[in-house]
N, C-alpha and C. Protein backbone atom coordinates (compact mmCIF):
# COMPACT_ATOMS: atom_id res chain seq x y z
N MET A 1 -28.74 -23.87 46.31
CA MET A 1 -29.12 -24.52 44.84
C MET A 1 -29.58 -23.12 43.51
N LYS A 2 -30.94 -22.88 44.35
CA LYS A 2 -31.03 -21.47 43.17
C LYS A 2 -30.03 -19.67 43.55
N ALA A 3 -29.50 -19.79 44.40
CA ALA A 3 -28.68 -19.17 44.07
C ALA A 3 -27.49 -19.39 43.13
N ARG A 4 -26.96 -20.90 43.17
CA ARG A 4 -26.40 -21.01 42.10
C ARG A 4 -26.38 -20.73 40.70
N ARG A 5 -27.85 -20.82 40.77
CA ARG A 5 -28.59 -21.49 39.05
C ARG A 5 -28.94 -19.65 38.64
N GLN A 6 -29.14 -19.12 39.26
CA GLN A 6 -29.49 -17.19 39.26
C GLN A 6 -27.60 -16.21 39.27
N THR A 7 -26.73 -17.39 39.82
CA THR A 7 -25.19 -16.50 39.53
C THR A 7 -25.05 -17.02 37.93
N ALA A 8 -25.48 -18.17 37.52
CA ALA A 8 -25.33 -18.90 36.14
C ALA A 8 -25.83 -18.30 35.46
N VAL A 9 -27.38 -17.80 35.36
CA VAL A 9 -28.25 -17.08 34.64
C VAL A 9 -27.19 -15.88 34.68
N PHE A 10 -27.08 -15.05 35.34
CA PHE A 10 -26.66 -14.29 35.18
C PHE A 10 -25.24 -14.05 34.71
N ALA A 11 -24.26 -14.56 34.92
CA ALA A 11 -22.66 -15.00 34.15
C ALA A 11 -23.23 -14.90 32.87
N ALA A 12 -24.05 -16.19 32.50
CA ALA A 12 -24.36 -16.33 30.52
C ALA A 12 -25.14 -15.12 30.65
N GLY A 13 -26.16 -14.55 30.75
CA GLY A 13 -26.09 -13.10 30.38
C GLY A 13 -24.93 -12.19 30.14
N LEU A 14 -24.04 -11.88 31.34
CA LEU A 14 -23.14 -10.92 31.07
C LEU A 14 -22.27 -11.31 30.32
N LEU A 15 -22.26 -12.37 29.18
CA LEU A 15 -21.21 -13.27 28.86
C LEU A 15 -21.41 -12.64 27.37
N ALA A 16 -23.10 -13.23 27.44
CA ALA A 16 -23.80 -12.58 25.95
C ALA A 16 -23.74 -11.06 25.51
N LEU A 17 -24.19 -10.83 26.56
CA LEU A 17 -24.22 -9.20 26.62
C LEU A 17 -22.38 -8.77 26.06
N LEU A 18 -21.26 -9.04 26.73
CA LEU A 18 -20.28 -8.71 26.35
C LEU A 18 -19.81 -8.87 25.20
N VAL A 19 -20.08 -10.26 24.18
CA VAL A 19 -19.48 -11.21 22.56
C VAL A 19 -20.65 -9.74 22.12
N LEU A 20 -21.99 -9.92 22.58
CA LEU A 20 -23.08 -9.08 21.57
C LEU A 20 -21.93 -7.29 21.65
N ALA A 21 -21.41 -6.65 22.77
CA ALA A 21 -20.51 -5.28 22.63
C ALA A 21 -19.29 -5.75 21.81
N GLY A 22 -18.83 -6.50 22.04
CA GLY A 22 -17.51 -6.94 21.24
C GLY A 22 -17.83 -6.80 19.67
N GLY A 23 -18.49 -7.97 19.50
CA GLY A 23 -19.12 -7.91 17.93
C GLY A 23 -19.56 -6.16 17.36
N TRP A 24 -19.80 -5.25 17.74
CA TRP A 24 -20.11 -4.05 17.62
C TRP A 24 -19.01 -3.63 17.11
N TYR A 25 -18.21 -3.78 18.53
CA TYR A 25 -17.08 -2.83 18.79
C TYR A 25 -16.28 -2.84 17.52
N LEU A 26 -15.56 -4.40 17.22
CA LEU A 26 -15.00 -4.85 15.99
C LEU A 26 -15.88 -4.44 14.50
N SER A 27 -17.42 -4.09 14.59
CA SER A 27 -17.95 -3.97 13.31
C SER A 27 -18.15 -2.33 13.21
N GLU A 28 -17.50 -1.95 14.28
CA GLU A 28 -18.16 -0.10 13.83
C GLU A 28 -16.43 0.73 14.83
N ARG A 29 -15.32 0.00 14.71
CA ARG A 29 -14.54 0.40 15.28
C ARG A 29 -13.78 1.49 14.02
N ARG A 30 -13.83 0.82 12.71
CA ARG A 30 -13.62 1.64 12.04
C ARG A 30 -13.89 3.17 11.84
N TRP A 31 -15.13 3.17 11.51
CA TRP A 31 -16.25 4.34 11.61
C TRP A 31 -16.12 5.46 12.43
N LEU A 32 -15.34 5.01 13.58
CA LEU A 32 -14.93 5.43 15.06
C LEU A 32 -13.78 6.54 14.93
N SER A 33 -12.70 5.91 13.99
CA SER A 33 -11.25 6.04 13.90
C SER A 33 -11.25 7.63 13.40
N ASP A 34 -9.67 8.34 13.41
CA ASP A 34 -10.03 9.37 12.67
C ASP A 34 -9.23 8.82 11.64
N LEU A 35 -9.19 7.85 11.31
CA LEU A 35 -8.66 7.12 9.25
C LEU A 35 -9.42 6.24 9.55
N TYR A 36 -10.74 6.36 8.96
CA TYR A 36 -12.03 5.67 9.15
C TYR A 36 -11.93 5.55 7.32
N CYS A 37 -11.16 6.36 6.58
CA CYS A 37 -12.09 6.09 4.91
C CYS A 37 -10.62 5.75 4.12
N PHE A 38 -9.54 4.80 5.15
CA PHE A 38 -8.91 4.09 4.24
C PHE A 38 -9.48 2.82 4.61
N GLU A 39 -9.60 1.80 3.60
CA GLU A 39 -10.09 0.46 3.01
C GLU A 39 -8.86 -0.24 3.82
N GLN A 40 -7.63 -0.48 3.86
CA GLN A 40 -6.83 -0.99 4.07
C GLN A 40 -5.68 0.08 4.42
N PRO A 41 -5.56 0.26 6.01
CA PRO A 41 -5.11 1.18 6.55
C PRO A 41 -3.13 0.93 6.26
N GLY A 42 -2.02 1.90 6.01
CA GLY A 42 -1.28 1.49 5.49
C GLY A 42 -0.64 1.89 4.51
N GLN A 43 -1.66 1.51 3.68
CA GLN A 43 -1.67 1.67 1.56
C GLN A 43 -2.36 3.09 1.23
N VAL A 44 -1.76 3.16 -0.06
CA VAL A 44 -2.08 4.27 -0.61
C VAL A 44 -3.29 3.60 -1.54
N TRP A 45 -4.64 3.70 -1.45
CA TRP A 45 -6.10 3.24 -2.43
C TRP A 45 -5.83 1.46 -2.01
N SER A 46 -5.04 1.42 -1.42
CA SER A 46 -5.24 -0.12 -1.56
C SER A 46 -4.42 -0.77 -2.50
N LEU A 47 -3.04 -0.13 -3.23
CA LEU A 47 -2.28 -0.35 -4.14
C LEU A 47 -1.46 -0.70 -3.67
N ALA A 48 -0.73 0.00 -3.23
CA ALA A 48 0.64 0.22 -2.64
C ALA A 48 1.13 0.33 -1.07
N PRO A 49 2.29 0.58 -0.50
CA PRO A 49 2.66 0.90 1.15
C PRO A 49 2.62 2.44 0.76
N LEU A 50 2.21 2.94 2.14
CA LEU A 50 2.16 4.29 2.05
C LEU A 50 3.48 4.72 2.36
N PRO A 51 3.92 6.03 1.83
CA PRO A 51 5.05 6.54 1.84
C PRO A 51 5.57 6.52 3.30
N ALA A 52 6.89 6.90 3.39
CA ALA A 52 6.86 7.16 4.85
C ALA A 52 6.71 8.78 5.03
N SER A 53 7.28 9.47 4.30
CA SER A 53 7.03 10.81 3.82
C SER A 53 5.52 11.45 4.44
N MET A 54 4.69 10.99 4.10
CA MET A 54 3.71 10.82 3.74
C MET A 54 2.69 10.46 5.08
N ALA A 55 1.46 11.70 5.83
CA ALA A 55 0.64 11.52 6.51
C ALA A 55 -0.63 10.91 6.17
N PRO A 56 -1.12 9.46 6.74
CA PRO A 56 -2.52 9.84 6.07
C PRO A 56 -4.06 10.81 7.07
N GLU A 57 -4.60 11.20 6.32
CA GLU A 57 -5.79 11.82 6.61
C GLU A 57 -7.14 11.46 6.35
N CYS A 58 -8.88 11.82 6.96
CA CYS A 58 -9.43 11.46 6.30
C CYS A 58 -10.16 13.01 5.97
N PRO A 59 -11.43 12.90 5.24
CA PRO A 59 -11.98 14.77 5.83
C PRO A 59 -12.69 14.27 7.37
N ALA A 60 -12.35 15.57 7.78
CA ALA A 60 -13.39 15.65 9.34
C ALA A 60 -14.89 15.80 8.88
N SER A 61 -15.28 15.91 7.89
CA SER A 61 -16.75 16.39 7.52
C SER A 61 -17.29 14.81 7.90
N ARG A 62 -18.95 15.25 8.69
CA ARG A 62 -19.76 14.52 8.79
C ARG A 62 -20.72 13.74 7.47
N SER A 63 -20.22 14.56 6.77
CA SER A 63 -21.33 14.16 5.12
C SER A 63 -20.65 13.30 4.76
N TYR A 64 -18.87 13.29 4.66
CA TYR A 64 -18.49 12.55 3.98
C TYR A 64 -17.81 11.20 4.99
N ARG A 65 -18.29 11.00 5.76
CA ARG A 65 -18.19 9.98 6.83
C ARG A 65 -19.30 9.50 6.44
N GLN A 66 -20.64 9.85 6.31
CA GLN A 66 -21.56 8.82 6.23
C GLN A 66 -21.29 8.51 5.07
N GLU A 67 -20.78 9.27 3.68
CA GLU A 67 -20.77 8.96 2.32
C GLU A 67 -19.83 7.65 2.03
N VAL A 68 -18.78 7.64 2.89
CA VAL A 68 -18.17 6.55 3.07
C VAL A 68 -18.62 5.02 3.42
N ARG A 69 -19.30 5.64 4.46
CA ARG A 69 -19.71 4.55 5.01
C ARG A 69 -20.53 3.98 4.80
N GLN A 70 -21.51 4.71 4.16
CA GLN A 70 -22.67 4.21 3.05
C GLN A 70 -22.33 3.52 1.55
N GLY A 71 -20.79 3.51 1.49
CA GLY A 71 -20.17 3.17 0.49
C GLY A 71 -20.79 3.52 -0.84
N LEU A 72 -21.15 5.38 -0.46
CA LEU A 72 -21.39 6.02 -1.92
C LEU A 72 -20.37 6.82 -2.29
N GLY A 73 -18.92 6.85 -1.31
CA GLY A 73 -18.48 7.37 -2.09
C GLY A 73 -16.38 7.07 -1.36
N ARG A 74 -15.57 7.35 -2.24
CA ARG A 74 -14.48 6.68 -1.27
C ARG A 74 -13.56 8.12 -1.33
N VAL A 75 -12.98 7.94 -0.15
CA VAL A 75 -12.25 9.25 -0.27
C VAL A 75 -10.67 8.63 0.78
N GLU A 76 -9.77 9.53 0.62
CA GLU A 76 -8.29 9.59 1.18
C GLU A 76 -7.38 10.21 0.91
N GLN A 77 -6.80 11.04 1.65
CA GLN A 77 -6.33 12.39 2.01
C GLN A 77 -4.65 11.45 2.14
N PHE A 78 -3.49 12.70 1.80
CA PHE A 78 -1.71 12.45 2.49
C PHE A 78 -1.85 13.89 2.66
N ARG A 79 -0.62 13.83 3.51
CA ARG A 79 -0.33 15.50 3.86
C ARG A 79 1.58 15.25 3.85
N LEU A 80 1.96 16.32 2.94
CA LEU A 80 3.45 16.14 2.98
C LEU A 80 4.61 16.93 3.17
N SER A 81 5.61 17.14 3.42
CA SER A 81 6.26 18.15 3.14
C SER A 81 6.05 19.18 2.23
N GLY A 82 6.51 20.79 1.71
CA GLY A 82 6.69 21.05 1.20
C GLY A 82 5.43 21.19 -0.60
N TRP A 83 5.78 21.69 -1.33
CA TRP A 83 4.86 21.84 -2.95
C TRP A 83 4.81 19.87 -3.87
N GLN A 84 3.94 19.34 -3.25
CA GLN A 84 5.30 18.38 -4.05
C GLN A 84 4.12 17.24 -4.74
N PRO A 85 2.66 17.88 -6.04
CA PRO A 85 1.00 18.19 -5.96
C PRO A 85 1.44 16.66 -7.05
N ARG A 86 2.55 15.67 -7.78
CA ARG A 86 2.47 14.71 -8.26
C ARG A 86 3.33 13.54 -7.50
N ALA A 87 2.99 13.87 -6.18
CA ALA A 87 3.59 12.93 -5.58
C ALA A 87 3.19 11.06 -5.70
N LEU A 88 1.83 11.31 -5.73
CA LEU A 88 1.50 9.57 -6.01
C LEU A 88 0.54 9.38 -7.06
N LEU A 89 0.92 10.02 -8.00
CA LEU A 89 0.51 9.69 -9.45
C LEU A 89 1.15 8.19 -9.82
N SER A 90 2.57 8.21 -10.06
CA SER A 90 3.15 7.03 -9.86
C SER A 90 2.53 5.60 -9.15
N THR A 91 2.24 5.76 -8.34
CA THR A 91 1.58 4.70 -7.92
C THR A 91 0.62 4.29 -8.76
N PHE A 92 -0.16 5.14 -8.71
CA PHE A 92 -1.40 5.04 -9.74
C PHE A 92 -0.94 4.65 -10.81
N THR A 93 -0.66 5.10 -11.96
CA THR A 93 -0.21 4.68 -13.11
C THR A 93 0.81 3.47 -13.17
N ASP A 94 1.25 3.35 -11.92
CA ASP A 94 1.96 2.13 -11.91
C ASP A 94 1.32 0.23 -11.96
N ALA A 95 0.26 1.10 -10.83
CA ALA A 95 -0.88 -0.02 -11.01
C ALA A 95 -1.63 0.06 -11.89
N GLY A 96 -1.53 0.43 -13.05
CA GLY A 96 -2.71 0.05 -14.40
C GLY A 96 -3.17 1.49 -15.23
N TYR A 97 -3.40 2.63 -13.71
CA TYR A 97 -4.15 3.73 -14.21
C TYR A 97 -3.87 4.21 -15.45
N LEU A 98 -4.64 4.92 -15.97
CA LEU A 98 -4.10 6.06 -17.18
C LEU A 98 -4.99 7.39 -16.73
N GLN A 99 -3.93 8.63 -16.87
CA GLN A 99 -3.80 9.52 -16.72
C GLN A 99 -4.89 10.18 -17.48
N GLN A 100 -5.98 10.71 -17.32
CA GLN A 100 -6.90 11.41 -18.43
C GLN A 100 -6.50 13.08 -18.46
N THR A 101 -6.34 13.56 -17.55
CA THR A 101 -6.16 15.47 -17.28
C THR A 101 -4.80 15.03 -16.38
N ASP A 102 -4.52 16.57 -16.75
CA ASP A 102 -3.07 16.75 -16.25
C ASP A 102 -3.34 18.64 -15.97
N ASP A 103 -4.05 18.92 -14.71
CA ASP A 103 -4.02 20.77 -14.92
C ASP A 103 -3.81 20.70 -13.53
N LEU A 104 -2.80 22.42 -14.04
CA LEU A 104 -2.38 22.96 -13.01
C LEU A 104 -3.17 24.01 -12.73
N LEU A 105 -4.26 24.31 -12.11
CA LEU A 105 -5.09 25.56 -11.92
C LEU A 105 -5.23 26.00 -10.62
N SER A 106 -5.28 27.77 -10.26
CA SER A 106 -4.76 28.59 -9.70
C SER A 106 -3.66 28.17 -8.53
N GLY A 107 -2.83 27.28 -8.79
CA GLY A 107 -2.26 27.03 -7.69
C GLY A 107 -2.32 25.36 -7.68
N ASP A 108 -3.54 24.84 -7.38
CA ASP A 108 -3.93 23.80 -6.90
C ASP A 108 -3.86 22.70 -8.32
N TYR A 109 -3.26 21.45 -8.44
CA TYR A 109 -3.48 20.78 -9.14
C TYR A 109 -4.47 19.77 -9.14
N SER A 110 -4.75 19.00 -10.69
CA SER A 110 -5.92 18.31 -10.60
C SER A 110 -5.69 17.21 -10.96
N ALA A 111 -6.05 15.54 -11.15
CA ALA A 111 -5.86 15.20 -12.53
C ALA A 111 -7.15 13.71 -12.40
N PHE A 112 -7.54 12.88 -13.30
CA PHE A 112 -8.30 11.86 -13.49
C PHE A 112 -7.27 11.06 -13.94
N LEU A 113 -7.68 10.25 -13.24
CA LEU A 113 -7.33 8.99 -13.88
C LEU A 113 -8.19 7.44 -14.23
N ALA A 114 -7.72 6.98 -14.54
CA ALA A 114 -9.32 5.46 -15.37
C ALA A 114 -8.20 4.15 -15.43
N ARG A 115 -9.15 3.18 -15.00
CA ARG A 115 -8.33 1.58 -14.72
C ARG A 115 -9.97 1.02 -15.14
N GLY A 116 -9.67 0.37 -16.26
CA GLY A 116 -11.01 -0.11 -16.26
C GLY A 116 -12.14 1.03 -16.55
N THR A 117 -13.08 0.24 -15.15
CA THR A 117 -14.61 1.20 -15.19
C THR A 117 -14.00 2.18 -14.22
N ASP A 118 -13.12 1.94 -13.44
CA ASP A 118 -12.89 2.63 -12.48
C ASP A 118 -11.97 4.12 -12.21
N ARG A 119 -12.97 4.75 -12.31
CA ARG A 119 -12.52 6.58 -12.36
C ARG A 119 -12.29 7.00 -10.93
N ILE A 120 -11.14 8.20 -10.96
CA ILE A 120 -10.71 8.31 -9.78
C ILE A 120 -10.09 9.91 -9.97
N GLN A 121 -10.19 10.59 -9.20
CA GLN A 121 -10.24 12.18 -8.84
C GLN A 121 -8.83 12.39 -7.49
N TYR A 122 -7.69 12.98 -8.87
CA TYR A 122 -6.41 13.66 -7.75
C TYR A 122 -6.60 14.82 -7.60
N SER A 123 -6.26 15.21 -6.63
CA SER A 123 -6.12 16.35 -6.87
C SER A 123 -4.98 17.02 -5.73
N ALA A 124 -4.36 17.90 -5.75
CA ALA A 124 -3.02 18.41 -4.44
C ALA A 124 -3.70 19.95 -4.44
N VAL A 125 -3.20 20.56 -3.14
CA VAL A 125 -3.64 22.02 -2.16
C VAL A 125 -2.48 21.97 -1.89
N ARG A 126 -2.07 23.64 -2.12
CA ARG A 126 -0.90 24.10 -0.83
C ARG A 126 -1.47 24.26 0.27
N GLN A 127 -0.98 24.12 1.57
CA GLN A 127 -1.37 24.03 2.77
C GLN A 127 -0.78 24.97 3.76
N GLY A 128 0.17 25.59 3.97
CA GLY A 128 1.16 26.32 4.04
C GLY A 128 2.27 25.99 3.09
N SER A 129 3.05 25.28 3.55
CA SER A 129 4.59 24.71 3.42
C SER A 129 4.32 23.53 3.39
N GLU A 130 3.25 22.52 3.13
CA GLU A 130 2.91 20.95 3.02
C GLU A 130 1.68 20.67 1.87
N THR A 131 1.96 20.59 1.49
CA THR A 131 0.86 19.66 0.22
C THR A 131 -0.38 18.57 0.57
N LEU A 132 -1.64 18.63 0.44
CA LEU A 132 -2.71 17.96 0.62
C LEU A 132 -3.15 17.13 -0.39
N ILE A 133 -2.88 15.98 -0.43
CA ILE A 133 -3.56 15.15 -1.46
C ILE A 133 -4.61 14.95 -1.81
N THR A 134 -5.90 15.39 -2.38
CA THR A 134 -7.05 13.77 -2.09
C THR A 134 -7.39 12.72 -3.25
N VAL A 135 -7.46 11.74 -2.82
CA VAL A 135 -7.65 10.81 -3.78
C VAL A 135 -9.23 10.33 -3.74
N SER A 136 -10.33 11.08 -4.72
CA SER A 136 -11.66 9.86 -4.70
C SER A 136 -12.37 9.55 -5.64
N GLY A 137 -13.58 8.88 -5.31
CA GLY A 137 -14.21 7.91 -6.66
C GLY A 137 -15.03 7.18 -6.30
N VAL A 138 -15.51 6.51 -6.78
CA VAL A 138 -16.72 5.53 -6.30
C VAL A 138 -16.08 4.66 -5.90
N PRO A 139 -16.88 3.98 -4.93
CA PRO A 139 -16.21 2.48 -4.67
C PRO A 139 -16.64 1.88 -5.79
N GLN A 140 -15.51 0.12 -6.18
CA GLN A 140 -16.02 -0.37 -6.87
C GLN A 140 -16.15 -2.01 -6.08
N ARG A 141 -17.34 -2.66 -7.25
CA ARG A 141 -18.06 -3.56 -6.22
C ARG A 141 -17.28 -4.34 -7.15
N PRO A 142 -17.15 -6.00 -6.49
CA PRO A 142 -16.24 -7.02 -7.07
C PRO A 142 -17.23 -7.81 -7.90
């Protein structure tokens, strides 16, 4: 009888530990992933599906990861073949963003876009035979 009770207490404790570990994993898995910066994986800025020709990325820097995790900043990156600096601009303008600047400086591209109070920076840099597009801004609170 005593052995059964000890087994039941042990099983209940183990189950509680597994539930806690599962809850922690579900809440932390985004931050453990290489694609931690995407609010909606497979989407561009939660506006449209990611084009098949683009590979999503997030900055590897620990400071970026911490900033995104704390809700202080938002950033998404996309890599594609060739020099296509404006490849995602239509995604934003189709979603109602107004392009405020259009600058090609020293071979890199930069634009600022706005929609309501939302302001984002769109930049593209040439990396070898590829384009790396970075979109960043302050997270919008609902």
